[in-house]
N, C-alpha and C. Protein backbone atom coordinates (compact mmCIF):
# COMPACT_ATOMS: atom_id res chain seq x y z
N MET A 1 150.23 93.85 179.62
CA MET A 1 150.95 92.67 179.16
C MET A 1 149.96 91.54 178.85
N PRO A 2 150.18 90.80 177.77
CA PRO A 2 149.37 89.60 177.54
C PRO A 2 149.77 88.51 178.53
N THR A 3 148.87 87.57 178.74
CA THR A 3 149.11 86.50 179.71
C THR A 3 148.84 85.15 179.09
N ILE A 4 149.73 84.20 179.36
CA ILE A 4 149.50 82.81 179.02
C ILE A 4 149.27 82.02 180.30
N ALA A 5 148.26 81.17 180.30
CA ALA A 5 148.02 80.25 181.41
C ALA A 5 148.40 78.85 180.95
N ILE A 6 149.27 78.21 181.69
CA ILE A 6 149.76 76.88 181.35
C ILE A 6 149.22 75.90 182.38
N VAL A 7 148.32 75.03 181.95
CA VAL A 7 147.70 74.06 182.84
C VAL A 7 148.46 72.74 182.75
N GLY A 8 148.98 72.30 183.90
CA GLY A 8 149.84 71.13 183.92
C GLY A 8 151.30 71.53 183.86
N ALA A 9 151.61 72.71 184.37
CA ALA A 9 152.97 73.24 184.28
C ALA A 9 153.95 72.39 185.07
N GLY A 10 155.08 72.13 184.45
CA GLY A 10 156.13 71.37 185.11
C GLY A 10 157.49 71.86 184.65
N PRO A 11 158.57 71.22 185.12
CA PRO A 11 159.92 71.69 184.84
C PRO A 11 160.42 71.36 183.43
N GLY A 12 159.63 70.63 182.66
CA GLY A 12 160.02 70.28 181.30
C GLY A 12 159.36 71.18 180.28
N LEU A 13 158.36 70.64 179.59
CA LEU A 13 157.71 71.39 178.51
C LEU A 13 157.01 72.64 179.04
N GLY A 14 156.33 72.53 180.18
CA GLY A 14 155.63 73.70 180.70
C GLY A 14 156.56 74.88 180.94
N LEU A 15 157.70 74.60 181.55
CA LEU A 15 158.67 75.67 181.80
C LEU A 15 159.21 76.23 180.49
N ALA A 16 159.47 75.35 179.53
CA ALA A 16 160.00 75.82 178.24
C ALA A 16 159.00 76.72 177.53
N ILE A 17 157.72 76.35 177.57
CA ILE A 17 156.69 77.19 176.95
C ILE A 17 156.60 78.53 177.68
N ALA A 18 156.66 78.49 179.00
CA ALA A 18 156.61 79.72 179.79
C ALA A 18 157.78 80.64 179.42
N ARG A 19 158.95 80.07 179.30
CA ARG A 19 160.11 80.88 178.93
C ARG A 19 159.97 81.46 177.53
N ARG A 20 159.45 80.66 176.61
CA ARG A 20 159.35 81.15 175.22
C ARG A 20 158.36 82.30 175.13
N PHE A 21 157.20 82.13 175.74
CA PHE A 21 156.22 83.22 175.72
C PHE A 21 156.68 84.39 176.58
N GLY A 22 157.28 84.08 177.72
CA GLY A 22 157.77 85.14 178.59
C GLY A 22 158.82 86.01 177.92
N SER A 23 159.65 85.39 177.09
CA SER A 23 160.68 86.16 176.38
C SER A 23 160.09 87.12 175.35
N GLU A 24 158.80 86.90 175.03
CA GLU A 24 158.11 87.78 174.08
C GLU A 24 157.17 88.75 174.79
N GLY A 25 157.34 88.89 176.11
CA GLY A 25 156.59 89.89 176.84
C GLY A 25 155.33 89.40 177.53
N PHE A 26 155.10 88.10 177.54
CA PHE A 26 153.93 87.56 178.22
C PHE A 26 154.17 87.42 179.72
N ASP A 27 153.16 87.72 180.51
CA ASP A 27 153.12 87.25 181.89
C ASP A 27 152.67 85.79 181.86
N VAL A 28 152.98 85.05 182.93
CA VAL A 28 152.74 83.61 182.92
C VAL A 28 151.99 83.18 184.17
N ALA A 29 150.85 82.51 183.96
CA ALA A 29 150.11 81.88 185.06
C ALA A 29 150.34 80.38 184.96
N LEU A 30 150.88 79.80 186.01
CA LEU A 30 151.20 78.38 186.03
C LEU A 30 150.19 77.64 186.90
N VAL A 31 149.58 76.59 186.37
CA VAL A 31 148.61 75.81 187.13
C VAL A 31 149.13 74.39 187.28
N SER A 32 149.23 73.95 188.52
CA SER A 32 149.69 72.59 188.83
C SER A 32 149.14 72.22 190.19
N ARG A 33 149.14 70.93 190.52
CA ARG A 33 148.62 70.50 191.82
C ARG A 33 149.66 70.58 192.92
N ASN A 34 150.91 70.86 192.59
CA ASN A 34 152.00 70.84 193.56
C ASN A 34 152.51 72.25 193.82
N ARG A 35 152.24 72.78 195.02
CA ARG A 35 152.63 74.15 195.34
C ARG A 35 154.14 74.34 195.35
N ASP A 36 154.89 73.38 195.88
CA ASP A 36 156.34 73.51 195.92
C ASP A 36 156.91 73.60 194.51
N LYS A 37 156.39 72.77 193.62
CA LYS A 37 156.86 72.82 192.24
C LYS A 37 156.54 74.15 191.59
N LEU A 38 155.36 74.66 191.85
CA LEU A 38 154.98 75.96 191.30
C LEU A 38 155.92 77.06 191.80
N ASP A 39 156.22 77.03 193.09
CA ASP A 39 157.11 78.06 193.65
C ASP A 39 158.49 78.01 193.00
N ARG A 40 158.97 76.80 192.75
CA ARG A 40 160.29 76.67 192.10
C ARG A 40 160.25 77.21 190.67
N LEU A 41 159.18 76.92 189.95
CA LEU A 41 159.07 77.40 188.58
C LEU A 41 158.95 78.91 188.53
N VAL A 42 158.18 79.48 189.44
CA VAL A 42 158.05 80.94 189.49
C VAL A 42 159.40 81.58 189.76
N ALA A 43 160.17 80.99 190.65
CA ALA A 43 161.50 81.54 190.97
C ALA A 43 162.43 81.46 189.77
N ILE A 44 162.38 80.36 189.04
CA ILE A 44 163.22 80.22 187.83
C ILE A 44 162.85 81.29 186.81
N LEU A 45 161.56 81.48 186.60
CA LEU A 45 161.12 82.47 185.62
C LEU A 45 161.46 83.88 186.08
N ALA A 46 161.35 84.14 187.36
CA ALA A 46 161.71 85.46 187.89
C ALA A 46 163.17 85.76 187.62
N ALA A 47 164.03 84.74 187.75
CA ALA A 47 165.45 84.92 187.48
C ALA A 47 165.70 85.26 186.01
N ASP A 48 164.76 84.84 185.15
CA ASP A 48 164.85 85.17 183.72
C ASP A 48 164.20 86.51 183.39
N GLY A 49 163.67 87.18 184.41
CA GLY A 49 163.01 88.46 184.20
C GLY A 49 161.57 88.33 183.73
N ILE A 50 160.95 87.17 183.96
CA ILE A 50 159.58 86.90 183.52
C ILE A 50 158.64 86.96 184.72
N VAL A 51 157.57 87.70 184.59
CA VAL A 51 156.57 87.80 185.65
C VAL A 51 155.69 86.56 185.62
N ALA A 52 155.62 85.84 186.72
CA ALA A 52 154.86 84.60 186.77
C ALA A 52 154.24 84.43 188.14
N ALA A 53 153.18 83.65 188.19
CA ALA A 53 152.54 83.30 189.46
C ALA A 53 151.97 81.90 189.33
N GLY A 54 151.93 81.18 190.46
CA GLY A 54 151.45 79.82 190.46
C GLY A 54 150.08 79.70 191.11
N PHE A 55 149.27 78.79 190.59
CA PHE A 55 147.91 78.57 191.09
C PHE A 55 147.69 77.07 191.21
N THR A 56 147.30 76.63 192.39
CA THR A 56 147.23 75.21 192.68
C THR A 56 145.89 74.62 192.29
N ALA A 57 145.93 73.53 191.51
CA ALA A 57 144.71 72.80 191.17
C ALA A 57 145.09 71.47 190.54
N ASP A 58 144.30 70.46 190.83
CA ASP A 58 144.37 69.17 190.16
C ASP A 58 143.35 69.21 189.03
N VAL A 59 143.75 68.86 187.81
CA VAL A 59 142.82 68.95 186.68
C VAL A 59 141.64 68.00 186.84
N LEU A 60 141.76 66.99 187.71
CA LEU A 60 140.64 66.10 187.96
C LEU A 60 139.60 66.72 188.90
N ASP A 61 139.96 67.82 189.54
CA ASP A 61 139.05 68.55 190.42
C ASP A 61 138.54 69.76 189.64
N ARG A 62 137.39 69.63 189.05
CA ARG A 62 136.91 70.66 188.13
C ARG A 62 136.67 71.99 188.82
N ASP A 63 136.15 71.96 190.04
CA ASP A 63 135.92 73.21 190.76
C ASP A 63 137.24 73.90 191.07
N ALA A 64 138.24 73.13 191.47
CA ALA A 64 139.55 73.71 191.80
C ALA A 64 140.21 74.29 190.56
N LEU A 65 140.08 73.60 189.43
CA LEU A 65 140.69 74.09 188.18
C LEU A 65 140.02 75.39 187.74
N THR A 66 138.70 75.42 187.83
CA THR A 66 137.98 76.64 187.48
C THR A 66 138.39 77.79 188.40
N ALA A 67 138.52 77.51 189.69
CA ALA A 67 138.91 78.55 190.65
C ALA A 67 140.33 79.03 190.39
N ALA A 68 141.24 78.12 190.05
CA ALA A 68 142.63 78.51 189.79
C ALA A 68 142.72 79.45 188.60
N LEU A 69 142.00 79.14 187.54
CA LEU A 69 142.04 80.00 186.36
C LEU A 69 141.33 81.33 186.64
N GLY A 70 140.31 81.29 187.47
CA GLY A 70 139.68 82.55 187.89
C GLY A 70 140.64 83.41 188.69
N ALA A 71 141.41 82.79 189.57
CA ALA A 71 142.41 83.53 190.34
C ALA A 71 143.50 84.09 189.44
N ALA A 72 143.88 83.33 188.40
CA ALA A 72 144.88 83.82 187.45
C ALA A 72 144.37 85.06 186.72
N LYS A 73 143.10 85.03 186.35
CA LYS A 73 142.52 86.21 185.69
C LYS A 73 142.49 87.40 186.65
N ASP A 74 142.17 87.16 187.90
CA ASP A 74 142.18 88.24 188.88
C ASP A 74 143.59 88.81 189.07
N ARG A 75 144.58 87.94 189.06
CA ARG A 75 145.97 88.37 189.28
C ARG A 75 146.50 89.17 188.11
N PHE A 76 146.24 88.71 186.88
CA PHE A 76 146.84 89.34 185.70
C PHE A 76 145.87 90.19 184.88
N GLY A 77 144.60 90.15 185.24
CA GLY A 77 143.64 90.98 184.52
C GLY A 77 142.95 90.27 183.37
N ARG A 78 143.63 89.29 182.78
CA ARG A 78 143.05 88.55 181.66
C ARG A 78 143.95 87.35 181.34
N ILE A 79 143.41 86.44 180.55
CA ILE A 79 144.19 85.35 179.99
C ILE A 79 144.02 85.42 178.47
N ASP A 80 145.13 85.55 177.77
CA ASP A 80 145.09 85.67 176.31
C ASP A 80 145.34 84.33 175.62
N VAL A 81 146.14 83.49 176.26
CA VAL A 81 146.47 82.18 175.69
C VAL A 81 146.33 81.13 176.79
N LEU A 82 145.62 80.05 176.49
CA LEU A 82 145.54 78.91 177.40
C LEU A 82 146.26 77.74 176.74
N GLU A 83 147.17 77.12 177.50
CA GLU A 83 147.85 75.91 177.02
C GLU A 83 147.56 74.80 178.00
N TYR A 84 147.02 73.68 177.49
CA TYR A 84 146.61 72.57 178.34
C TYR A 84 147.46 71.34 178.03
N SER A 85 148.27 70.92 179.01
CA SER A 85 149.15 69.77 178.78
C SER A 85 149.51 69.08 180.08
N PRO A 86 148.52 68.62 180.84
CA PRO A 86 148.86 67.93 182.10
C PRO A 86 149.53 66.59 181.83
N VAL A 87 150.47 66.24 182.67
CA VAL A 87 151.16 64.95 182.57
C VAL A 87 151.18 64.33 183.95
N ASP A 88 150.76 63.08 184.05
CA ASP A 88 150.78 62.39 185.34
C ASP A 88 151.76 61.23 185.26
N ALA A 89 152.82 61.31 186.07
CA ALA A 89 153.85 60.27 186.06
C ALA A 89 153.75 59.34 187.27
N SER A 90 152.68 59.48 188.02
CA SER A 90 152.58 58.71 189.26
C SER A 90 151.99 57.32 189.07
N GLY A 91 151.50 57.02 187.87
CA GLY A 91 150.89 55.71 187.64
C GLY A 91 149.48 55.68 188.20
N GLY A 92 149.16 54.63 188.93
CA GLY A 92 147.83 54.52 189.50
C GLY A 92 146.77 54.43 188.42
N ALA A 93 145.67 55.12 188.64
CA ALA A 93 144.54 55.04 187.72
C ALA A 93 144.87 55.57 186.34
N LEU A 94 145.89 56.42 186.25
CA LEU A 94 146.26 57.02 184.97
C LEU A 94 147.41 56.30 184.27
N ALA A 95 147.84 55.18 184.80
CA ALA A 95 148.96 54.45 184.19
C ALA A 95 148.58 53.97 182.79
N PRO A 96 149.53 54.03 181.85
CA PRO A 96 149.25 53.52 180.50
C PRO A 96 148.93 52.04 180.53
N VAL A 97 148.01 51.63 179.68
CA VAL A 97 147.58 50.24 179.60
C VAL A 97 147.59 49.81 178.13
N HIS A 98 148.11 48.61 177.87
CA HIS A 98 148.10 48.06 176.52
C HIS A 98 146.66 47.93 176.03
N ILE A 99 146.47 48.12 174.74
CA ILE A 99 145.13 48.10 174.17
C ILE A 99 144.37 46.83 174.52
N ARG A 100 145.06 45.71 174.66
CA ARG A 100 144.39 44.45 174.98
C ARG A 100 143.90 44.42 176.43
N GLN A 101 144.43 45.30 177.26
CA GLN A 101 144.03 45.33 178.67
C GLN A 101 143.15 46.54 179.02
N THR A 102 142.75 47.29 178.03
CA THR A 102 141.91 48.45 178.34
C THR A 102 140.54 48.01 178.85
N THR A 103 140.01 48.79 179.77
CA THR A 103 138.69 48.56 180.34
C THR A 103 137.96 49.89 180.39
N PRO A 104 136.65 49.87 180.59
CA PRO A 104 135.95 51.15 180.77
C PRO A 104 136.55 51.99 181.90
N GLU A 105 136.99 51.31 182.97
CA GLU A 105 137.52 52.04 184.13
C GLU A 105 138.84 52.73 183.82
N ASN A 106 139.82 52.00 183.25
CA ASN A 106 141.11 52.64 183.03
C ASN A 106 141.08 53.60 181.83
N THR A 107 140.11 53.44 180.96
CA THR A 107 139.96 54.40 179.87
C THR A 107 139.23 55.64 180.36
N GLN A 108 138.24 55.47 181.22
CA GLN A 108 137.51 56.61 181.76
C GLN A 108 138.43 57.56 182.51
N ALA A 109 139.43 57.00 183.20
CA ALA A 109 140.38 57.85 183.92
C ALA A 109 141.08 58.81 182.97
N GLN A 110 141.46 58.33 181.79
CA GLN A 110 142.12 59.18 180.81
C GLN A 110 141.15 60.19 180.19
N ILE A 111 139.91 59.79 179.99
CA ILE A 111 138.91 60.72 179.48
C ILE A 111 138.73 61.88 180.47
N GLU A 112 138.66 61.54 181.75
CA GLU A 112 138.52 62.58 182.78
C GLU A 112 139.72 63.54 182.75
N TYR A 113 140.89 62.96 182.64
CA TYR A 113 142.14 63.72 182.75
C TYR A 113 142.36 64.61 181.52
N GLN A 114 142.14 64.04 180.37
CA GLN A 114 142.46 64.77 179.15
C GLN A 114 141.27 65.57 178.60
N LEU A 115 140.18 64.89 178.30
CA LEU A 115 139.04 65.59 177.70
C LEU A 115 138.31 66.47 178.69
N TYR A 116 137.88 65.92 179.83
CA TYR A 116 137.07 66.71 180.75
C TYR A 116 137.88 67.84 181.38
N GLY A 117 139.15 67.60 181.63
CA GLY A 117 139.99 68.68 182.14
C GLY A 117 140.12 69.81 181.14
N ALA A 118 140.32 69.46 179.87
CA ALA A 118 140.42 70.47 178.82
C ALA A 118 139.12 71.25 178.68
N GLN A 119 138.00 70.55 178.77
CA GLN A 119 136.72 71.22 178.68
C GLN A 119 136.51 72.19 179.85
N THR A 120 136.91 71.77 181.03
CA THR A 120 136.76 72.62 182.21
C THR A 120 137.63 73.87 182.10
N ALA A 121 138.88 73.69 181.69
CA ALA A 121 139.77 74.84 181.54
C ALA A 121 139.25 75.80 180.47
N THR A 122 138.74 75.24 179.40
CA THR A 122 138.22 76.07 178.31
C THR A 122 137.01 76.87 178.77
N ALA A 123 136.12 76.23 179.51
CA ALA A 123 134.93 76.93 179.99
C ALA A 123 135.28 78.12 180.88
N ALA A 124 136.45 78.05 181.52
CA ALA A 124 136.86 79.13 182.42
C ALA A 124 137.41 80.34 181.68
N VAL A 125 137.86 80.16 180.44
CA VAL A 125 138.51 81.28 179.74
C VAL A 125 137.85 81.65 178.41
N LEU A 126 137.20 80.69 177.74
CA LEU A 126 136.70 80.95 176.39
C LEU A 126 135.66 82.08 176.34
N PRO A 127 134.72 82.18 177.26
CA PRO A 127 133.75 83.29 177.16
C PRO A 127 134.41 84.66 177.09
N ASP A 128 135.47 84.86 177.88
CA ASP A 128 136.18 86.15 177.84
C ASP A 128 136.87 86.37 176.50
N LEU A 129 137.46 85.30 175.95
CA LEU A 129 138.13 85.42 174.66
C LEU A 129 137.13 85.74 173.55
N LEU A 130 135.99 85.08 173.59
CA LEU A 130 134.97 85.35 172.57
C LEU A 130 134.44 86.77 172.69
N ALA A 131 134.30 87.25 173.92
CA ALA A 131 133.83 88.62 174.12
C ALA A 131 134.84 89.63 173.57
N ALA A 132 136.13 89.29 173.71
CA ALA A 132 137.18 90.18 173.21
C ALA A 132 137.44 89.99 171.72
N GLY A 133 136.98 88.88 171.18
CA GLY A 133 137.24 88.59 169.77
C GLY A 133 138.69 88.29 169.49
N ALA A 134 139.40 87.72 170.47
CA ALA A 134 140.83 87.44 170.31
C ALA A 134 141.24 86.40 171.33
N GLY A 135 142.36 85.73 171.04
CA GLY A 135 142.91 84.77 171.98
C GLY A 135 143.18 83.43 171.33
N THR A 136 143.89 82.59 172.08
CA THR A 136 144.32 81.29 171.55
C THR A 136 144.18 80.21 172.62
N LEU A 137 143.70 79.05 172.20
CA LEU A 137 143.67 77.87 173.04
C LEU A 137 144.52 76.80 172.39
N LEU A 138 145.46 76.24 173.16
CA LEU A 138 146.38 75.22 172.63
C LEU A 138 146.26 73.97 173.49
N PHE A 139 146.01 72.83 172.84
CA PHE A 139 145.81 71.56 173.54
C PHE A 139 146.87 70.56 173.09
N THR A 140 147.57 69.99 174.04
CA THR A 140 148.70 69.12 173.74
C THR A 140 148.37 67.66 173.99
N THR A 141 148.78 66.80 173.05
CA THR A 141 148.75 65.35 173.25
C THR A 141 150.02 64.77 172.64
N GLY A 142 150.22 63.48 172.86
CA GLY A 142 151.21 62.77 172.09
C GLY A 142 150.64 62.44 170.73
N ALA A 143 151.51 62.04 169.82
CA ALA A 143 151.07 61.73 168.46
C ALA A 143 150.17 60.50 168.40
N GLY A 144 150.09 59.74 169.49
CA GLY A 144 149.20 58.59 169.54
C GLY A 144 147.74 58.98 169.43
N SER A 145 147.41 60.24 169.63
CA SER A 145 146.03 60.71 169.43
C SER A 145 145.65 60.65 167.96
N ILE A 146 146.66 60.66 167.09
CA ILE A 146 146.44 60.59 165.64
C ILE A 146 146.76 59.21 165.11
N THR A 147 147.92 58.70 165.49
CA THR A 147 148.36 57.36 165.09
C THR A 147 148.58 56.53 166.34
N PRO A 148 147.59 55.75 166.76
CA PRO A 148 147.66 55.06 168.05
C PRO A 148 148.80 54.06 168.16
N THR A 149 149.27 53.88 169.38
CA THR A 149 150.29 52.90 169.72
C THR A 149 149.70 51.95 170.75
N ALA A 150 149.84 50.65 170.52
CA ALA A 150 149.15 49.65 171.34
C ALA A 150 149.47 49.76 172.82
N ILE A 151 150.71 50.08 173.17
CA ILE A 151 151.09 50.08 174.58
C ILE A 151 150.47 51.24 175.35
N PHE A 152 149.92 52.21 174.65
CA PHE A 152 149.26 53.35 175.30
C PHE A 152 147.76 53.34 174.97
N GLY A 153 147.15 52.18 175.06
CA GLY A 153 145.78 52.03 174.61
C GLY A 153 144.80 53.00 175.25
N ASN A 154 144.83 53.10 176.57
CA ASN A 154 143.89 53.99 177.24
C ASN A 154 144.29 55.47 177.10
N VAL A 155 145.59 55.73 177.12
CA VAL A 155 146.08 57.10 176.96
C VAL A 155 145.68 57.64 175.58
N ASN A 156 145.90 56.82 174.55
CA ASN A 156 145.55 57.23 173.18
C ASN A 156 144.06 57.52 173.05
N ALA A 157 143.24 56.72 173.73
CA ALA A 157 141.79 56.92 173.65
C ALA A 157 141.39 58.27 174.24
N GLY A 158 141.94 58.60 175.41
CA GLY A 158 141.65 59.89 176.01
C GLY A 158 142.18 61.05 175.19
N ALA A 159 143.39 60.88 174.64
CA ALA A 159 144.00 61.93 173.83
C ALA A 159 143.22 62.15 172.54
N ALA A 160 142.77 61.06 171.93
CA ALA A 160 142.00 61.17 170.69
C ALA A 160 140.67 61.85 170.94
N ALA A 161 140.07 61.57 172.09
CA ALA A 161 138.81 62.24 172.44
C ALA A 161 139.03 63.74 172.58
N MET A 162 140.12 64.14 173.26
CA MET A 162 140.39 65.56 173.40
C MET A 162 140.69 66.19 172.05
N ARG A 163 141.45 65.50 171.23
CA ARG A 163 141.78 66.03 169.90
C ARG A 163 140.51 66.26 169.08
N ASN A 164 139.63 65.28 169.06
CA ASN A 164 138.39 65.40 168.30
C ASN A 164 137.58 66.59 168.78
N TRP A 165 137.46 66.71 170.10
CA TRP A 165 136.69 67.81 170.67
C TRP A 165 137.33 69.17 170.34
N ALA A 166 138.65 69.26 170.47
CA ALA A 166 139.34 70.52 170.22
C ALA A 166 139.20 70.96 168.76
N LEU A 167 139.34 70.02 167.84
CA LEU A 167 139.22 70.36 166.42
C LEU A 167 137.78 70.74 166.07
N ASN A 168 136.83 70.09 166.71
CA ASN A 168 135.43 70.43 166.50
C ASN A 168 135.16 71.86 166.98
N LEU A 169 135.66 72.18 168.19
CA LEU A 169 135.49 73.52 168.73
C LEU A 169 136.23 74.56 167.89
N ALA A 170 137.40 74.19 167.38
CA ALA A 170 138.17 75.11 166.54
C ALA A 170 137.38 75.54 165.32
N ALA A 171 136.73 74.59 164.68
CA ALA A 171 135.94 74.91 163.50
C ALA A 171 134.74 75.78 163.86
N GLU A 172 134.17 75.55 165.04
CA GLU A 172 132.98 76.28 165.45
C GLU A 172 133.26 77.76 165.72
N VAL A 173 134.42 78.08 166.31
CA VAL A 173 134.70 79.46 166.71
C VAL A 173 135.66 80.17 165.75
N GLU A 174 135.97 79.53 164.64
CA GLU A 174 136.99 80.08 163.74
C GLU A 174 136.68 81.50 163.31
N GLY A 175 135.43 81.85 163.12
CA GLY A 175 135.09 83.19 162.68
C GLY A 175 134.89 84.19 163.80
N ASP A 176 135.16 83.77 165.03
CA ASP A 176 134.90 84.63 166.18
C ASP A 176 136.16 85.25 166.78
N GLY A 177 137.29 85.11 166.11
CA GLY A 177 138.52 85.74 166.57
C GLY A 177 139.37 84.90 167.49
N VAL A 178 138.89 83.73 167.89
CA VAL A 178 139.65 82.85 168.78
C VAL A 178 140.23 81.70 167.97
N HIS A 179 141.54 81.51 168.11
CA HIS A 179 142.21 80.42 167.39
C HIS A 179 142.43 79.24 168.34
N ILE A 180 142.10 78.05 167.87
CA ILE A 180 142.30 76.83 168.65
C ILE A 180 143.15 75.87 167.84
N ALA A 181 144.16 75.31 168.51
CA ALA A 181 145.04 74.36 167.82
C ALA A 181 145.35 73.18 168.71
N HIS A 182 145.39 72.01 168.11
CA HIS A 182 145.84 70.79 168.77
C HIS A 182 147.29 70.56 168.37
N ILE A 183 148.15 70.34 169.36
CA ILE A 183 149.56 70.12 169.10
C ILE A 183 149.91 68.70 169.53
N ALA A 184 150.31 67.89 168.56
CA ALA A 184 150.65 66.49 168.81
C ALA A 184 152.15 66.32 168.75
N ILE A 185 152.73 65.84 169.81
CA ILE A 185 154.19 65.71 169.89
C ILE A 185 154.59 64.28 169.53
N ALA A 186 155.29 64.16 168.41
CA ALA A 186 155.71 62.85 167.90
C ALA A 186 157.17 62.60 168.22
N ALA A 187 157.51 62.76 169.48
CA ALA A 187 158.89 62.56 169.92
C ALA A 187 158.94 62.44 171.43
N TRP A 188 159.96 61.73 171.92
CA TRP A 188 160.24 61.77 173.34
C TRP A 188 160.77 63.16 173.68
N ILE A 189 160.31 63.70 174.80
CA ILE A 189 160.80 65.02 175.21
C ILE A 189 162.01 64.79 176.12
N THR A 190 163.16 64.72 175.50
CA THR A 190 164.41 64.41 176.22
C THR A 190 165.59 64.72 175.32
N ASP A 191 166.76 64.81 175.92
CA ASP A 191 167.99 64.94 175.13
C ASP A 191 168.84 63.67 175.23
N GLN A 192 168.23 62.60 175.80
CA GLN A 192 168.97 61.35 175.99
C GLN A 192 168.11 60.16 175.60
N ALA A 193 167.52 60.18 174.43
CA ALA A 193 166.67 59.08 173.97
C ALA A 193 167.53 57.91 173.49
N PRO A 194 167.01 56.69 173.58
CA PRO A 194 167.74 55.54 173.02
C PRO A 194 167.95 55.71 171.52
N ASP A 195 168.94 55.02 170.99
CA ASP A 195 169.21 55.09 169.56
C ASP A 195 167.97 54.71 168.76
N GLY A 196 167.70 55.49 167.74
CA GLY A 196 166.57 55.20 166.87
C GLY A 196 165.24 55.75 167.33
N VAL A 197 165.19 56.32 168.53
CA VAL A 197 163.94 56.87 169.05
C VAL A 197 163.91 58.38 168.76
N PRO A 198 162.88 58.86 168.08
CA PRO A 198 162.81 60.29 167.80
C PRO A 198 162.70 61.09 169.09
N ALA A 199 163.50 62.13 169.21
CA ALA A 199 163.53 62.90 170.45
C ALA A 199 163.76 64.38 170.15
N MET A 200 163.20 65.21 171.02
CA MET A 200 163.42 66.65 170.97
C MET A 200 163.46 67.16 172.40
N THR A 201 164.19 68.22 172.62
CA THR A 201 164.18 68.83 173.95
C THR A 201 162.94 69.72 174.07
N ALA A 202 162.58 70.01 175.31
CA ALA A 202 161.45 70.90 175.53
C ALA A 202 161.69 72.27 174.90
N ALA A 203 162.94 72.73 174.96
CA ALA A 203 163.27 74.04 174.37
C ALA A 203 163.10 74.03 172.86
N GLN A 204 163.30 72.87 172.23
CA GLN A 204 163.09 72.78 170.78
C GLN A 204 161.61 72.75 170.42
N ILE A 205 160.80 72.23 171.31
CA ILE A 205 159.37 72.10 171.04
C ILE A 205 158.62 73.40 171.31
N ALA A 206 159.02 74.14 172.33
CA ALA A 206 158.27 75.33 172.77
C ALA A 206 158.00 76.35 171.66
N PRO A 207 158.93 76.60 170.73
CA PRO A 207 158.64 77.59 169.69
C PRO A 207 157.43 77.24 168.82
N PHE A 208 157.09 75.95 168.72
CA PHE A 208 155.92 75.57 167.94
C PHE A 208 154.65 76.18 168.54
N TYR A 209 154.63 76.32 169.87
CA TYR A 209 153.46 76.88 170.53
C TYR A 209 153.32 78.37 170.24
N LEU A 210 154.42 79.09 170.34
CA LEU A 210 154.37 80.52 170.03
C LEU A 210 154.00 80.73 168.57
N ASP A 211 154.53 79.89 167.69
CA ASP A 211 154.22 80.00 166.27
C ASP A 211 152.73 79.72 166.02
N ALA A 212 152.17 78.72 166.70
CA ALA A 212 150.75 78.41 166.54
C ALA A 212 149.89 79.59 166.96
N HIS A 213 150.28 80.25 168.04
CA HIS A 213 149.55 81.43 168.51
C HIS A 213 149.67 82.59 167.54
N ARG A 214 150.85 82.81 167.03
CA ARG A 214 151.08 83.98 166.19
C ARG A 214 150.54 83.84 164.78
N THR A 215 150.81 82.70 164.16
CA THR A 215 150.47 82.55 162.74
C THR A 215 149.01 82.16 162.51
N ARG A 216 148.43 81.40 163.45
CA ARG A 216 147.05 80.93 163.30
C ARG A 216 146.86 80.20 161.97
N SER A 217 147.88 79.52 161.53
CA SER A 217 147.87 78.93 160.20
C SER A 217 147.27 77.55 160.14
N ALA A 218 147.10 76.88 161.29
CA ALA A 218 146.59 75.52 161.27
C ALA A 218 145.92 75.20 162.60
N HIS A 219 144.93 74.33 162.53
CA HIS A 219 144.27 73.87 163.76
C HIS A 219 144.93 72.63 164.33
N GLU A 220 145.89 72.09 163.62
CA GLU A 220 146.63 70.94 164.12
C GLU A 220 148.08 71.03 163.70
N VAL A 221 148.97 70.84 164.67
CA VAL A 221 150.41 70.89 164.43
C VAL A 221 151.02 69.60 164.96
N VAL A 222 151.73 68.89 164.12
CA VAL A 222 152.46 67.71 164.54
C VAL A 222 153.92 68.10 164.71
N VAL A 223 154.44 67.95 165.91
CA VAL A 223 155.82 68.32 166.22
C VAL A 223 156.70 67.08 166.14
N ALA A 224 157.69 67.10 165.26
CA ALA A 224 158.57 65.96 165.08
C ALA A 224 159.97 66.46 164.75
N PRO A 225 161.00 65.64 165.05
CA PRO A 225 162.36 66.06 164.74
C PRO A 225 162.54 66.29 163.23
C-alpha cells in the first residue's frame, strides 16, 4: 500500500486529506504534537476502513519531527506522499501580527514554524523518494503567501518563505521523478463563513491534494471557491 504522511494533522483539513487519500487505498501516517488528538483521528479513520497510525512531534522540535517521520517509515515501510500543513491556534509566539507591528522576533517564529519545519520534514523523506524516482511533496499555506494581507504580516512572511523554497526545490528535482507542489488556500476552511467571505469545507479542499499528486500538472495550486 502507498502511504501518505500528514504533518500537522488535525480534525479539519488534515482529516479530510487523510480520508481522501485513504479512500484511494493509501495508508495514513498522522503527525501532530497532541497524542490524544492523534488517537481520535486514528479511530475515526479506522471506522472508515482506513489504516492509520499517529506519531507525536512538534514541528518546532526538529529532532522530534525527524524521529516521527522515521517511525512512520518503519511502521508502513515507506512514505510516498508528504503533506505539510501545521496550524497553531494557541496564539503566543505564533499569533498573527499586523504588518505594522512585525518584528524580527515575531516573524522569526513563523519562519521556524513554516519554512524550517517544512525543510526538516522534507529532509526526512526526500532522499528515499529520489532513490525510488517517485513520490510527491505537498506544502500548504494560505493565499497570503502569494497576495499578502496586512493583518497577517508575520504569517504571510513565513508562508512566502516556504512557498519560495518549495517552488525552488520543485524546479530542482523536476527531472528526478519527485513532484513538489505548493497549495495556497484562498478561502476560510469552514461551512459557516460570514456573508461575502470566500469559504470552502475541508472535504471540498481535500480533492485538490489528491489531484496534485496524481496529475503532476503544476507546481502551484490556488484553491478557491
